[in-house]
Amino acid sequence: MTMDFLPVLANWPMLLKGLVLTVVLTGIALPLGMLLGIACAWMRLNAGLAVRTVVATYVEIFRNTPFIIQLFFLFFGLPSMGVRLSPETASILAMTLNLGAYACEQIRAGIEATPRGQLEAAQCLALNRWQTFTRVVLPPSLGRVWPAVTGQMIIVMLGSAVCSQISTEEISYAANLISSRTFRSFESYIVVTLCYLLLAIALRQLLQWMGPRLIFGRRRT
């Protein structure tokens, strides 16, 4: 077997376009998913019974069904209800909802580990519930679970490869198209595998840098 990467690399504009779209999908879905996860975690701990039940149902559905089924439901199922989404919008929505469900439980675990003394100190400082949550509870809670959240965000980024099944022109879509045109499947998927590997490493390094500096602050011992 002789490998020839030149026909694959000759399609570099298509690969670059797919890579950029993958980065865009990830860059939009991850912050939205984290915000959704934080909101759901707060509601599961502080809202009324009806709201907690709705949030728990959402979390269990999205944590216990395949991502591709969630994606297909949004793209192929919602049109039967009169809601039509573009491939890119459906991809972002599916990635956001998927991350939000997992992040909810991870962040909730961090919140529940908050020492009682911190809450009592916040009450002594006359902080309201919003100030207590955003300044006292949430930052250290995110610090406790940040490695797990980072891993989940990388999984969601890698899961964007499934979005090619609804014609989202991200990098795996480009690989499929190049493979069908050049008949160099092995070489095409080696190139795309390396792209995903570099994206995952870069995203992990970025999140590890951002966490203690911009999101939850450096934790002192």
N, C-alpha and C. Protein backbone atom coordinates (compact mmCIF):
# COMPACT_ATOMS: atom_id res chain seq x y z
N MET A 1 0.84 -1.20 0.00
CA MET A 1 0.00 0.00 0.00
C MET A 1 0.88 1.25 0.00
N THR A 2 0.61 2.17 -0.92
CA THR A 2 1.36 3.41 -1.03
C THR A 2 0.46 4.57 -0.64
N MET A 3 0.94 5.36 0.30
CA MET A 3 0.16 6.51 0.75
C MET A 3 0.62 7.75 -0.02
N ASP A 4 -0.34 8.54 -0.42
CA ASP A 4 -0.08 9.77 -1.15
C ASP A 4 -0.95 10.88 -0.57
N PHE A 5 -0.33 11.79 0.15
CA PHE A 5 -1.08 12.87 0.80
C PHE A 5 -1.28 14.08 -0.09
N LEU A 6 -0.59 14.14 -1.22
CA LEU A 6 -0.68 15.33 -2.07
C LEU A 6 -2.10 15.60 -2.57
N PRO A 7 -2.84 14.58 -3.04
CA PRO A 7 -4.21 14.88 -3.47
C PRO A 7 -5.09 15.42 -2.35
N VAL A 8 -4.83 14.95 -1.13
CA VAL A 8 -5.61 15.44 0.02
C VAL A 8 -5.22 16.86 0.37
N LEU A 9 -3.93 17.11 0.48
CA LEU A 9 -3.45 18.44 0.85
C LEU A 9 -3.73 19.47 -0.23
N ALA A 10 -3.92 19.02 -1.48
CA ALA A 10 -4.27 19.95 -2.55
C ALA A 10 -5.63 20.58 -2.31
N ASN A 11 -6.44 19.95 -1.48
CA ASN A 11 -7.76 20.48 -1.13
C ASN A 11 -7.71 21.26 0.18
N TRP A 12 -6.58 21.88 0.45
CA TRP A 12 -6.41 22.58 1.73
C TRP A 12 -7.44 23.70 1.95
N PRO A 13 -7.93 24.40 0.91
CA PRO A 13 -8.98 25.40 1.22
C PRO A 13 -10.23 24.78 1.84
N MET A 14 -10.60 23.60 1.37
CA MET A 14 -11.77 22.92 1.93
C MET A 14 -11.51 22.49 3.37
N LEU A 15 -10.31 21.97 3.61
CA LEU A 15 -9.94 21.58 4.97
C LEU A 15 -9.91 22.79 5.90
N LEU A 16 -9.36 23.89 5.41
CA LEU A 16 -9.28 25.10 6.23
C LEU A 16 -10.67 25.64 6.54
N LYS A 17 -11.56 25.63 5.55
CA LYS A 17 -12.93 26.08 5.78
C LYS A 17 -13.62 25.21 6.82
N GLY A 18 -13.43 23.90 6.72
CA GLY A 18 -14.02 23.00 7.71
C GLY A 18 -13.44 23.20 9.09
N LEU A 19 -12.12 23.44 9.16
CA LEU A 19 -11.47 23.67 10.45
C LEU A 19 -12.00 24.94 11.09
N VAL A 20 -12.14 25.99 10.30
CA VAL A 20 -12.65 27.26 10.83
C VAL A 20 -14.07 27.09 11.35
N LEU A 21 -14.92 26.38 10.60
CA LEU A 21 -16.30 26.19 11.04
C LEU A 21 -16.35 25.36 12.32
N THR A 22 -15.48 24.36 12.44
CA THR A 22 -15.42 23.58 13.68
C THR A 22 -15.07 24.48 14.86
N VAL A 23 -14.11 25.37 14.67
CA VAL A 23 -13.72 26.29 15.73
C VAL A 23 -14.87 27.24 16.07
N VAL A 24 -15.58 27.72 15.05
CA VAL A 24 -16.71 28.63 15.28
C VAL A 24 -17.83 27.92 16.05
N LEU A 25 -18.18 26.71 15.63
CA LEU A 25 -19.22 25.96 16.34
C LEU A 25 -18.83 25.76 17.80
N THR A 26 -17.57 25.40 18.02
CA THR A 26 -17.09 25.18 19.39
C THR A 26 -17.08 26.46 20.19
N GLY A 27 -16.61 27.55 19.56
CA GLY A 27 -16.51 28.83 20.26
C GLY A 27 -17.85 29.40 20.66
N ILE A 28 -18.91 29.06 19.93
CA ILE A 28 -20.25 29.53 20.29
C ILE A 28 -20.92 28.59 21.28
N ALA A 29 -20.82 27.29 21.02
CA ALA A 29 -21.56 26.31 21.83
C ALA A 29 -21.01 26.18 23.25
N LEU A 30 -19.69 26.23 23.42
CA LEU A 30 -19.13 26.00 24.75
C LEU A 30 -19.53 27.07 25.77
N PRO A 31 -19.39 28.37 25.47
CA PRO A 31 -19.85 29.36 26.46
C PRO A 31 -21.35 29.26 26.74
N LEU A 32 -22.15 29.04 25.69
CA LEU A 32 -23.59 28.92 25.90
C LEU A 32 -23.91 27.69 26.74
N GLY A 33 -23.22 26.58 26.47
CA GLY A 33 -23.45 25.37 27.25
C GLY A 33 -23.06 25.54 28.71
N MET A 34 -21.96 26.26 28.97
CA MET A 34 -21.56 26.49 30.35
C MET A 34 -22.56 27.38 31.08
N LEU A 35 -23.04 28.43 30.42
CA LEU A 35 -24.05 29.29 31.04
C LEU A 35 -25.32 28.50 31.33
N LEU A 36 -25.71 27.65 30.39
CA LEU A 36 -26.90 26.81 30.61
C LEU A 36 -26.67 25.85 31.77
N GLY A 37 -25.48 25.27 31.84
CA GLY A 37 -25.17 24.34 32.93
C GLY A 37 -25.20 25.02 34.29
N ILE A 38 -24.65 26.24 34.36
CA ILE A 38 -24.66 26.99 35.63
C ILE A 38 -26.09 27.33 36.04
N ALA A 39 -26.89 27.79 35.08
CA ALA A 39 -28.28 28.14 35.38
C ALA A 39 -29.07 26.91 35.85
N CYS A 40 -28.86 25.79 35.17
CA CYS A 40 -29.58 24.57 35.55
C CYS A 40 -29.13 24.05 36.91
N ALA A 41 -27.83 24.16 37.20
CA ALA A 41 -27.33 23.72 38.50
C ALA A 41 -27.95 24.56 39.62
N TRP A 42 -28.05 25.87 39.39
CA TRP A 42 -28.65 26.73 40.40
C TRP A 42 -30.12 26.37 40.59
N MET A 43 -30.83 26.14 39.49
CA MET A 43 -32.26 25.83 39.60
C MET A 43 -32.49 24.49 40.27
N ARG A 44 -31.62 23.52 40.03
CA ARG A 44 -31.80 22.22 40.68
C ARG A 44 -31.62 22.30 42.18
N LEU A 45 -30.92 23.32 42.64
CA LEU A 45 -30.66 23.45 44.07
C LEU A 45 -31.56 24.47 44.76
N ASN A 46 -32.09 25.43 44.00
CA ASN A 46 -32.79 26.55 44.65
C ASN A 46 -34.21 26.79 44.16
N ALA A 47 -34.58 26.25 43.00
CA ALA A 47 -35.91 26.54 42.45
C ALA A 47 -36.97 25.67 43.11
N GLY A 48 -38.22 25.92 42.73
CA GLY A 48 -39.32 25.13 43.25
C GLY A 48 -39.36 23.73 42.66
N LEU A 49 -40.25 22.92 43.18
CA LEU A 49 -40.32 21.52 42.79
C LEU A 49 -40.59 21.36 41.29
N ALA A 50 -41.51 22.16 40.74
CA ALA A 50 -41.86 22.03 39.33
C ALA A 50 -40.67 22.33 38.44
N VAL A 51 -39.96 23.40 38.74
CA VAL A 51 -38.78 23.78 37.94
C VAL A 51 -37.68 22.74 38.09
N ARG A 52 -37.46 22.26 39.31
CA ARG A 52 -36.44 21.23 39.52
C ARG A 52 -36.77 19.98 38.73
N THR A 53 -38.04 19.63 38.65
CA THR A 53 -38.45 18.44 37.91
C THR A 53 -38.19 18.61 36.42
N VAL A 54 -38.51 19.78 35.87
CA VAL A 54 -38.28 20.06 34.45
C VAL A 54 -36.79 19.99 34.13
N VAL A 55 -35.98 20.63 34.97
CA VAL A 55 -34.53 20.64 34.74
C VAL A 55 -33.95 19.23 34.86
N ALA A 56 -34.39 18.48 35.85
CA ALA A 56 -33.91 17.11 36.03
C ALA A 56 -34.28 16.24 34.84
N THR A 57 -35.47 16.44 34.30
CA THR A 57 -35.90 15.68 33.12
C THR A 57 -35.01 15.99 31.93
N TYR A 58 -34.75 17.28 31.71
CA TYR A 58 -33.86 17.69 30.61
C TYR A 58 -32.48 17.06 30.76
N VAL A 59 -31.94 17.12 31.97
CA VAL A 59 -30.61 16.59 32.21
C VAL A 59 -30.56 15.09 31.95
N GLU A 60 -31.55 14.36 32.45
CA GLU A 60 -31.54 12.91 32.27
C GLU A 60 -31.71 12.51 30.81
N ILE A 61 -32.54 13.24 30.09
CA ILE A 61 -32.74 12.93 28.66
C ILE A 61 -31.45 13.12 27.88
N PHE A 62 -30.78 14.24 28.08
CA PHE A 62 -29.60 14.54 27.28
C PHE A 62 -28.36 13.79 27.75
N ARG A 63 -28.36 13.33 29.00
CA ARG A 63 -27.22 12.54 29.46
C ARG A 63 -27.36 11.06 29.13
N ASN A 64 -28.54 10.64 28.76
CA ASN A 64 -28.79 9.21 28.55
C ASN A 64 -29.27 8.88 27.15
N THR A 65 -29.04 9.79 26.21
CA THR A 65 -29.34 9.51 24.81
C THR A 65 -28.12 9.89 23.97
N PRO A 66 -27.92 9.23 22.82
CA PRO A 66 -26.76 9.55 21.98
C PRO A 66 -26.84 10.95 21.41
N PHE A 67 -25.68 11.57 21.25
CA PHE A 67 -25.64 12.93 20.70
C PHE A 67 -26.23 12.98 19.30
N ILE A 68 -25.98 11.95 18.50
CA ILE A 68 -26.47 11.98 17.13
C ILE A 68 -28.01 11.94 17.10
N ILE A 69 -28.64 11.27 18.05
CA ILE A 69 -30.10 11.26 18.12
C ILE A 69 -30.62 12.65 18.49
N GLN A 70 -29.95 13.31 19.42
CA GLN A 70 -30.33 14.68 19.78
C GLN A 70 -30.21 15.60 18.58
N LEU A 71 -29.12 15.44 17.82
CA LEU A 71 -28.90 16.27 16.64
C LEU A 71 -29.97 16.02 15.58
N PHE A 72 -30.27 14.74 15.34
CA PHE A 72 -31.28 14.40 14.34
C PHE A 72 -32.67 14.90 14.75
N PHE A 73 -32.97 14.82 16.04
CA PHE A 73 -34.27 15.31 16.51
C PHE A 73 -34.41 16.79 16.23
N LEU A 74 -33.37 17.57 16.50
CA LEU A 74 -33.43 19.02 16.29
C LEU A 74 -33.51 19.36 14.81
N PHE A 75 -32.77 18.63 13.97
CA PHE A 75 -32.70 18.99 12.56
C PHE A 75 -33.82 18.38 11.73
N PHE A 76 -34.13 17.10 12.01
CA PHE A 76 -35.14 16.41 11.22
C PHE A 76 -36.51 16.35 11.90
N GLY A 77 -36.51 16.38 13.24
CA GLY A 77 -37.76 16.24 13.97
C GLY A 77 -38.52 17.53 14.14
N LEU A 78 -37.80 18.63 14.45
CA LEU A 78 -38.49 19.90 14.69
C LEU A 78 -39.24 20.43 13.48
N PRO A 79 -38.77 20.21 12.23
CA PRO A 79 -39.55 20.70 11.09
C PRO A 79 -40.98 20.17 11.04
N SER A 80 -41.22 18.97 11.59
CA SER A 80 -42.60 18.44 11.63
C SER A 80 -43.48 19.26 12.58
N MET A 81 -42.83 20.05 13.46
CA MET A 81 -43.55 20.93 14.38
C MET A 81 -43.53 22.37 13.88
N GLY A 82 -43.02 22.56 12.67
CA GLY A 82 -43.00 23.90 12.09
C GLY A 82 -41.75 24.70 12.40
N VAL A 83 -40.75 24.08 13.00
CA VAL A 83 -39.51 24.77 13.35
C VAL A 83 -38.38 24.24 12.47
N ARG A 84 -37.85 25.08 11.61
CA ARG A 84 -36.78 24.66 10.71
C ARG A 84 -35.49 25.37 11.10
N LEU A 85 -34.44 24.59 11.26
CA LEU A 85 -33.15 25.12 11.64
C LEU A 85 -32.13 24.83 10.54
N SER A 86 -31.20 25.75 10.36
CA SER A 86 -30.10 25.50 9.44
C SER A 86 -29.18 24.45 10.05
N PRO A 87 -28.36 23.77 9.25
CA PRO A 87 -27.44 22.78 9.82
C PRO A 87 -26.54 23.37 10.90
N GLU A 88 -26.05 24.58 10.67
CA GLU A 88 -25.16 25.20 11.65
C GLU A 88 -25.90 25.52 12.95
N THR A 89 -27.12 26.06 12.83
CA THR A 89 -27.89 26.39 14.03
C THR A 89 -28.25 25.13 14.82
N ALA A 90 -28.66 24.09 14.10
CA ALA A 90 -29.00 22.83 14.78
C ALA A 90 -27.77 22.24 15.47
N SER A 91 -26.61 22.36 14.84
CA SER A 91 -25.38 21.84 15.44
C SER A 91 -25.03 22.59 16.71
N ILE A 92 -25.10 23.91 16.66
CA ILE A 92 -24.79 24.72 17.85
C ILE A 92 -25.78 24.42 18.97
N LEU A 93 -27.07 24.33 18.63
CA LEU A 93 -28.08 24.07 19.65
C LEU A 93 -27.89 22.70 20.28
N ALA A 94 -27.60 21.69 19.46
CA ALA A 94 -27.39 20.35 19.99
C ALA A 94 -26.16 20.30 20.89
N MET A 95 -25.07 20.92 20.47
CA MET A 95 -23.85 20.94 21.28
C MET A 95 -24.08 21.69 22.59
N THR A 96 -24.82 22.79 22.52
CA THR A 96 -25.10 23.58 23.72
C THR A 96 -25.94 22.80 24.72
N LEU A 97 -27.01 22.18 24.24
CA LEU A 97 -27.89 21.42 25.14
C LEU A 97 -27.16 20.21 25.72
N ASN A 98 -26.33 19.57 24.92
CA ASN A 98 -25.59 18.41 25.41
C ASN A 98 -24.60 18.80 26.50
N LEU A 99 -23.83 19.85 26.24
CA LEU A 99 -22.88 20.30 27.26
C LEU A 99 -23.59 20.81 28.50
N GLY A 100 -24.70 21.53 28.31
CA GLY A 100 -25.42 22.06 29.46
C GLY A 100 -25.89 20.98 30.42
N ALA A 101 -26.33 19.85 29.88
CA ALA A 101 -26.82 18.76 30.73
C ALA A 101 -25.68 18.18 31.57
N TYR A 102 -24.54 17.92 30.94
CA TYR A 102 -23.42 17.35 31.69
C TYR A 102 -22.81 18.37 32.65
N ALA A 103 -22.66 19.62 32.18
CA ALA A 103 -22.08 20.64 33.03
C ALA A 103 -22.95 20.91 34.25
N CYS A 104 -24.27 20.79 34.08
CA CYS A 104 -25.19 21.01 35.21
C CYS A 104 -24.84 20.11 36.38
N GLU A 105 -24.68 18.83 36.12
CA GLU A 105 -24.40 17.89 37.21
C GLU A 105 -23.00 18.08 37.78
N GLN A 106 -22.04 18.39 36.93
CA GLN A 106 -20.68 18.62 37.41
C GLN A 106 -20.62 19.86 38.29
N ILE A 107 -21.25 20.93 37.85
CA ILE A 107 -21.24 22.17 38.63
C ILE A 107 -22.06 22.02 39.90
N ARG A 108 -23.16 21.29 39.80
CA ARG A 108 -23.97 21.05 41.01
C ARG A 108 -23.17 20.32 42.07
N ALA A 109 -22.34 19.38 41.66
CA ALA A 109 -21.50 18.67 42.62
C ALA A 109 -20.51 19.63 43.28
N GLY A 110 -19.97 20.56 42.50
CA GLY A 110 -19.06 21.54 43.08
C GLY A 110 -19.76 22.48 44.04
N ILE A 111 -20.99 22.87 43.70
CA ILE A 111 -21.75 23.77 44.58
C ILE A 111 -22.09 23.08 45.90
N GLU A 112 -22.49 21.82 45.81
CA GLU A 112 -22.87 21.10 47.03
C GLU A 112 -21.69 20.86 47.96
N ALA A 113 -20.47 20.97 47.43
CA ALA A 113 -19.27 20.81 48.27
C ALA A 113 -18.84 22.10 48.95
N THR A 114 -19.62 23.18 48.75
CA THR A 114 -19.27 24.46 49.38
C THR A 114 -19.39 24.35 50.90
N PRO A 115 -18.35 24.70 51.64
CA PRO A 115 -18.44 24.63 53.11
C PRO A 115 -19.53 25.55 53.66
N ARG A 116 -20.21 25.09 54.67
CA ARG A 116 -21.29 25.86 55.27
C ARG A 116 -20.77 27.19 55.81
N GLY A 117 -19.53 27.20 56.26
CA GLY A 117 -18.97 28.42 56.83
C GLY A 117 -18.89 29.56 55.82
N GLN A 118 -18.66 29.24 54.55
CA GLN A 118 -18.62 30.29 53.54
C GLN A 118 -19.97 30.95 53.36
N LEU A 119 -21.03 30.15 53.41
CA LEU A 119 -22.37 30.71 53.28
C LEU A 119 -22.72 31.58 54.49
N GLU A 120 -22.32 31.13 55.67
CA GLU A 120 -22.59 31.92 56.88
C GLU A 120 -21.80 33.22 56.86
N ALA A 121 -20.57 33.17 56.34
CA ALA A 121 -19.78 34.39 56.23
C ALA A 121 -20.43 35.38 55.26
N ALA A 122 -20.99 34.87 54.17
CA ALA A 122 -21.67 35.73 53.21
C ALA A 122 -22.89 36.39 53.85
N GLN A 123 -23.62 35.63 54.67
CA GLN A 123 -24.78 36.20 55.36
C GLN A 123 -24.34 37.28 56.34
N CYS A 124 -23.22 37.07 57.00
CA CYS A 124 -22.72 38.07 57.94
C CYS A 124 -22.31 39.36 57.22
N LEU A 125 -21.90 39.24 55.97
CA LEU A 125 -21.54 40.41 55.18
C LEU A 125 -22.74 41.05 54.50
N ALA A 126 -23.93 40.53 54.78
CA ALA A 126 -25.18 41.07 54.24
C ALA A 126 -25.26 40.97 52.72
N LEU A 127 -24.68 39.92 52.17
CA LEU A 127 -24.78 39.70 50.73
C LEU A 127 -26.13 39.07 50.41
N ASN A 128 -26.74 39.50 49.30
CA ASN A 128 -27.99 38.88 48.89
C ASN A 128 -27.72 37.54 48.22
N ARG A 129 -28.78 36.84 47.82
CA ARG A 129 -28.61 35.49 47.26
C ARG A 129 -27.80 35.51 45.97
N TRP A 130 -28.04 36.52 45.11
CA TRP A 130 -27.30 36.61 43.85
C TRP A 130 -25.82 36.87 44.10
N GLN A 131 -25.51 37.79 45.00
CA GLN A 131 -24.11 38.09 45.33
C GLN A 131 -23.43 36.89 45.98
N THR A 132 -24.16 36.20 46.83
CA THR A 132 -23.59 35.02 47.48
C THR A 132 -23.25 33.95 46.45
N PHE A 133 -24.17 33.74 45.50
CA PHE A 133 -23.95 32.70 44.49
C PHE A 133 -22.80 33.06 43.56
N THR A 134 -22.79 34.29 43.03
CA THR A 134 -21.82 34.66 42.01
C THR A 134 -20.43 34.95 42.58
N ARG A 135 -20.35 35.39 43.85
CA ARG A 135 -19.06 35.80 44.41
C ARG A 135 -18.48 34.82 45.41
N VAL A 136 -19.37 34.08 46.09
CA VAL A 136 -18.89 33.20 47.15
C VAL A 136 -18.98 31.73 46.76
N VAL A 137 -20.08 31.34 46.14
CA VAL A 137 -20.32 29.92 45.86
C VAL A 137 -19.76 29.48 44.53
N LEU A 138 -20.09 30.20 43.46
CA LEU A 138 -19.77 29.74 42.11
C LEU A 138 -18.28 29.68 41.79
N PRO A 139 -17.48 30.71 42.06
CA PRO A 139 -16.06 30.64 41.67
C PRO A 139 -15.31 29.44 42.24
N PRO A 140 -15.36 29.21 43.56
CA PRO A 140 -14.65 28.01 44.06
C PRO A 140 -15.27 26.71 43.60
N SER A 141 -16.59 26.72 43.36
CA SER A 141 -17.24 25.50 42.85
C SER A 141 -16.72 25.15 41.48
N LEU A 142 -16.57 26.15 40.60
CA LEU A 142 -16.00 25.91 39.28
C LEU A 142 -14.56 25.44 39.39
N GLY A 143 -13.82 26.00 40.35
CA GLY A 143 -12.44 25.56 40.54
C GLY A 143 -12.34 24.10 40.91
N ARG A 144 -13.29 23.60 41.71
CA ARG A 144 -13.26 22.20 42.12
C ARG A 144 -13.51 21.26 40.95
N VAL A 145 -14.39 21.64 40.05
CA VAL A 145 -14.81 20.71 39.00
C VAL A 145 -14.23 21.09 37.64
N TRP A 146 -13.35 22.08 37.58
CA TRP A 146 -12.85 22.55 36.28
C TRP A 146 -12.19 21.46 35.45
N PRO A 147 -11.37 20.57 36.01
CA PRO A 147 -10.81 19.50 35.17
C PRO A 147 -11.87 18.64 34.51
N ALA A 148 -12.93 18.30 35.25
CA ALA A 148 -14.00 17.49 34.66
C ALA A 148 -14.76 18.28 33.60
N VAL A 149 -15.02 19.55 33.86
CA VAL A 149 -15.72 20.39 32.89
C VAL A 149 -14.88 20.57 31.64
N THR A 150 -13.57 20.73 31.82
CA THR A 150 -12.67 20.86 30.67
C THR A 150 -12.74 19.62 29.79
N GLY A 151 -12.69 18.46 30.41
CA GLY A 151 -12.78 17.22 29.66
C GLY A 151 -14.10 17.11 28.90
N GLN A 152 -15.19 17.53 29.54
CA GLN A 152 -16.49 17.45 28.87
C GLN A 152 -16.58 18.41 27.70
N MET A 153 -15.99 19.59 27.82
CA MET A 153 -16.01 20.54 26.71
C MET A 153 -15.20 20.02 25.53
N ILE A 154 -14.11 19.33 25.80
CA ILE A 154 -13.33 18.74 24.71
C ILE A 154 -14.13 17.63 24.04
N ILE A 155 -14.85 16.83 24.82
CA ILE A 155 -15.70 15.78 24.24
C ILE A 155 -16.77 16.38 23.33
N VAL A 156 -17.35 17.49 23.74
CA VAL A 156 -18.36 18.15 22.91
C VAL A 156 -17.73 18.68 21.62
N MET A 157 -16.53 19.24 21.73
CA MET A 157 -15.85 19.72 20.53
C MET A 157 -15.59 18.57 19.56
N LEU A 158 -15.11 17.45 20.08
CA LEU A 158 -14.86 16.29 19.22
C LEU A 158 -16.17 15.74 18.67
N GLY A 159 -17.23 15.84 19.44
CA GLY A 159 -18.53 15.36 18.98
C GLY A 159 -19.09 16.16 17.82
N SER A 160 -18.52 17.34 17.57
CA SER A 160 -18.99 18.13 16.43
C SER A 160 -18.76 17.41 15.11
N ALA A 161 -17.90 16.37 15.11
CA ALA A 161 -17.69 15.59 13.89
C ALA A 161 -18.98 14.93 13.42
N VAL A 162 -19.87 14.63 14.35
CA VAL A 162 -21.15 14.00 13.99
C VAL A 162 -22.03 14.96 13.19
N CYS A 163 -21.79 16.26 13.35
CA CYS A 163 -22.64 17.25 12.69
C CYS A 163 -22.53 17.19 11.17
N SER A 164 -21.53 16.51 10.65
CA SER A 164 -21.44 16.33 9.20
C SER A 164 -22.62 15.51 8.68
N GLN A 165 -23.27 14.74 9.56
CA GLN A 165 -24.40 13.91 9.14
C GLN A 165 -25.63 14.74 8.75
N ILE A 166 -25.65 16.02 9.14
CA ILE A 166 -26.75 16.89 8.72
C ILE A 166 -26.23 17.97 7.77
N SER A 167 -25.10 17.68 7.14
CA SER A 167 -24.50 18.57 6.12
C SER A 167 -23.92 19.85 6.68
N THR A 168 -23.53 19.83 7.95
CA THR A 168 -22.74 20.94 8.49
C THR A 168 -21.32 20.79 7.95
N GLU A 169 -20.81 21.81 7.29
CA GLU A 169 -19.57 21.67 6.55
C GLU A 169 -18.35 21.89 7.43
N GLU A 170 -18.29 21.13 8.54
CA GLU A 170 -17.11 21.22 9.40
C GLU A 170 -16.04 20.27 8.87
N ILE A 171 -15.02 20.03 9.66
CA ILE A 171 -13.83 19.39 9.10
C ILE A 171 -14.04 17.92 8.72
N SER A 172 -14.87 17.20 9.47
CA SER A 172 -15.11 15.81 9.07
C SER A 172 -15.96 15.75 7.79
N TYR A 173 -16.83 16.73 7.58
CA TYR A 173 -17.57 16.82 6.32
C TYR A 173 -16.59 17.02 5.17
N ALA A 174 -15.60 17.89 5.38
CA ALA A 174 -14.57 18.11 4.35
C ALA A 174 -13.80 16.83 4.08
N ALA A 175 -13.49 16.07 5.12
CA ALA A 175 -12.76 14.82 4.94
C ALA A 175 -13.55 13.82 4.11
N ASN A 176 -14.84 13.72 4.40
CA ASN A 176 -15.69 12.81 3.63
C ASN A 176 -15.74 13.21 2.15
N LEU A 177 -15.84 14.51 1.90
CA LEU A 177 -15.93 15.00 0.53
C LEU A 177 -14.61 14.79 -0.21
N ILE A 178 -13.51 15.08 0.44
CA ILE A 178 -12.20 14.89 -0.19
C ILE A 178 -11.96 13.41 -0.45
N SER A 179 -12.35 12.56 0.48
CA SER A 179 -12.18 11.12 0.30
C SER A 179 -12.95 10.61 -0.90
N SER A 180 -14.17 11.11 -1.09
CA SER A 180 -14.98 10.66 -2.23
C SER A 180 -14.45 11.18 -3.55
N ARG A 181 -13.75 12.30 -3.51
CA ARG A 181 -13.23 12.87 -4.75
C ARG A 181 -11.87 12.30 -5.14
N THR A 182 -11.04 12.04 -4.14
CA THR A 182 -9.66 11.61 -4.43
C THR A 182 -9.46 10.11 -4.26
N PHE A 183 -10.43 9.43 -3.64
CA PHE A 183 -10.30 8.00 -3.33
C PHE A 183 -9.09 7.73 -2.43
N ARG A 184 -8.76 8.71 -1.60
CA ARG A 184 -7.66 8.59 -0.64
C ARG A 184 -8.25 8.70 0.77
N SER A 185 -9.04 7.70 1.12
CA SER A 185 -9.74 7.74 2.41
C SER A 185 -8.77 7.70 3.57
N PHE A 186 -7.80 6.80 3.52
CA PHE A 186 -6.88 6.64 4.63
C PHE A 186 -6.13 7.94 4.90
N GLU A 187 -5.61 8.53 3.84
CA GLU A 187 -4.85 9.77 3.99
C GLU A 187 -5.75 10.91 4.48
N SER A 188 -6.99 10.97 3.96
CA SER A 188 -7.91 12.04 4.36
C SER A 188 -8.19 12.00 5.85
N TYR A 189 -8.43 10.80 6.37
CA TYR A 189 -8.79 10.70 7.78
C TYR A 189 -7.57 10.78 8.69
N ILE A 190 -6.40 10.49 8.19
CA ILE A 190 -5.19 10.75 8.98
C ILE A 190 -5.02 12.25 9.19
N VAL A 191 -5.20 13.02 8.10
CA VAL A 191 -5.07 14.47 8.20
C VAL A 191 -6.10 15.05 9.16
N VAL A 192 -7.34 14.60 9.05
CA VAL A 192 -8.39 15.12 9.91
C VAL A 192 -8.19 14.68 11.36
N THR A 193 -7.70 13.47 11.55
CA THR A 193 -7.40 13.02 12.91
C THR A 193 -6.35 13.91 13.57
N LEU A 194 -5.33 14.27 12.82
CA LEU A 194 -4.30 15.17 13.35
C LEU A 194 -4.89 16.54 13.66
N CYS A 195 -5.81 17.00 12.81
CA CYS A 195 -6.45 18.29 13.07
C CYS A 195 -7.24 18.26 14.37
N TYR A 196 -8.02 17.20 14.58
CA TYR A 196 -8.79 17.08 15.82
C TYR A 196 -7.87 16.96 17.03
N LEU A 197 -6.77 16.24 16.88
CA LEU A 197 -5.82 16.09 17.98
C LEU A 197 -5.24 17.44 18.37
N LEU A 198 -4.84 18.23 17.38
CA LEU A 198 -4.29 19.55 17.66
C LEU A 198 -5.34 20.47 18.26
N LEU A 199 -6.57 20.39 17.75
CA LEU A 199 -7.65 21.20 18.32
C LEU A 199 -7.91 20.85 19.78
N ALA A 200 -7.92 19.56 20.09
CA ALA A 200 -8.18 19.13 21.46
C ALA A 200 -7.07 19.59 22.41
N ILE A 201 -5.82 19.45 21.97
CA ILE A 201 -4.70 19.90 22.80
C ILE A 201 -4.75 21.40 23.00
N ALA A 202 -5.01 22.15 21.92
CA ALA A 202 -5.07 23.61 22.02
C ALA A 202 -6.22 24.04 22.93
N LEU A 203 -7.37 23.40 22.81
CA LEU A 203 -8.51 23.76 23.64
C LEU A 203 -8.24 23.45 25.11
N ARG A 204 -7.62 22.31 25.38
CA ARG A 204 -7.29 21.98 26.76
C ARG A 204 -6.34 23.00 27.37
N GLN A 205 -5.30 23.37 26.62
CA GLN A 205 -4.34 24.35 27.12
C GLN A 205 -5.02 25.70 27.35
N LEU A 206 -5.91 26.10 26.42
CA LEU A 206 -6.61 27.36 26.57
C LEU A 206 -7.50 27.36 27.81
N LEU A 207 -8.24 26.29 28.02
CA LEU A 207 -9.14 26.22 29.18
C LEU A 207 -8.36 26.16 30.49
N GLN A 208 -7.24 25.45 30.48
CA GLN A 208 -6.42 25.39 31.69
C GLN A 208 -5.81 26.75 32.01
N TRP A 209 -5.54 27.54 30.97
CA TRP A 209 -5.02 28.89 31.19
C TRP A 209 -6.14 29.84 31.63
N MET A 210 -7.30 29.73 30.99
CA MET A 210 -8.40 30.65 31.27
C MET A 210 -9.01 30.43 32.64
N GLY A 211 -9.12 29.17 33.06
CA GLY A 211 -9.83 28.86 34.30
C GLY A 211 -9.37 29.68 35.49
N PRO A 212 -8.13 29.51 35.94
CA PRO A 212 -7.70 30.22 37.14
C PRO A 212 -7.50 31.72 36.94
N ARG A 213 -7.43 32.19 35.71
CA ARG A 213 -7.17 33.60 35.46
C ARG A 213 -8.42 34.42 35.20
N LEU A 214 -9.38 33.84 34.51
CA LEU A 214 -10.53 34.61 34.06
C LEU A 214 -11.87 34.13 34.59
N ILE A 215 -11.95 32.89 35.08
CA ILE A 215 -13.26 32.32 35.41
C ILE A 215 -13.45 32.16 36.91
N PHE A 216 -12.57 31.42 37.58
CA PHE A 216 -12.80 31.20 39.01
C PHE A 216 -11.69 31.73 39.88
N GLY A 217 -10.64 32.30 39.29
CA GLY A 217 -9.57 32.89 40.09
C GLY A 217 -8.66 31.85 40.68
N ARG A 218 -7.51 32.27 41.06
CA ARG A 218 -6.54 31.34 41.65
C ARG A 218 -6.96 31.00 43.07
N ARG A 219 -6.97 29.71 43.36
CA ARG A 219 -7.36 29.24 44.69
C ARG A 219 -6.12 29.16 45.58
N ARG A 220 -6.18 29.83 46.71
CA ARG A 220 -5.06 29.82 47.64
C ARG A 220 -5.22 28.70 48.65
N THR A 221 -4.10 28.12 48.98
CA THR A 221 -4.12 27.07 50.00
C THR A 221 -3.83 27.69 51.36
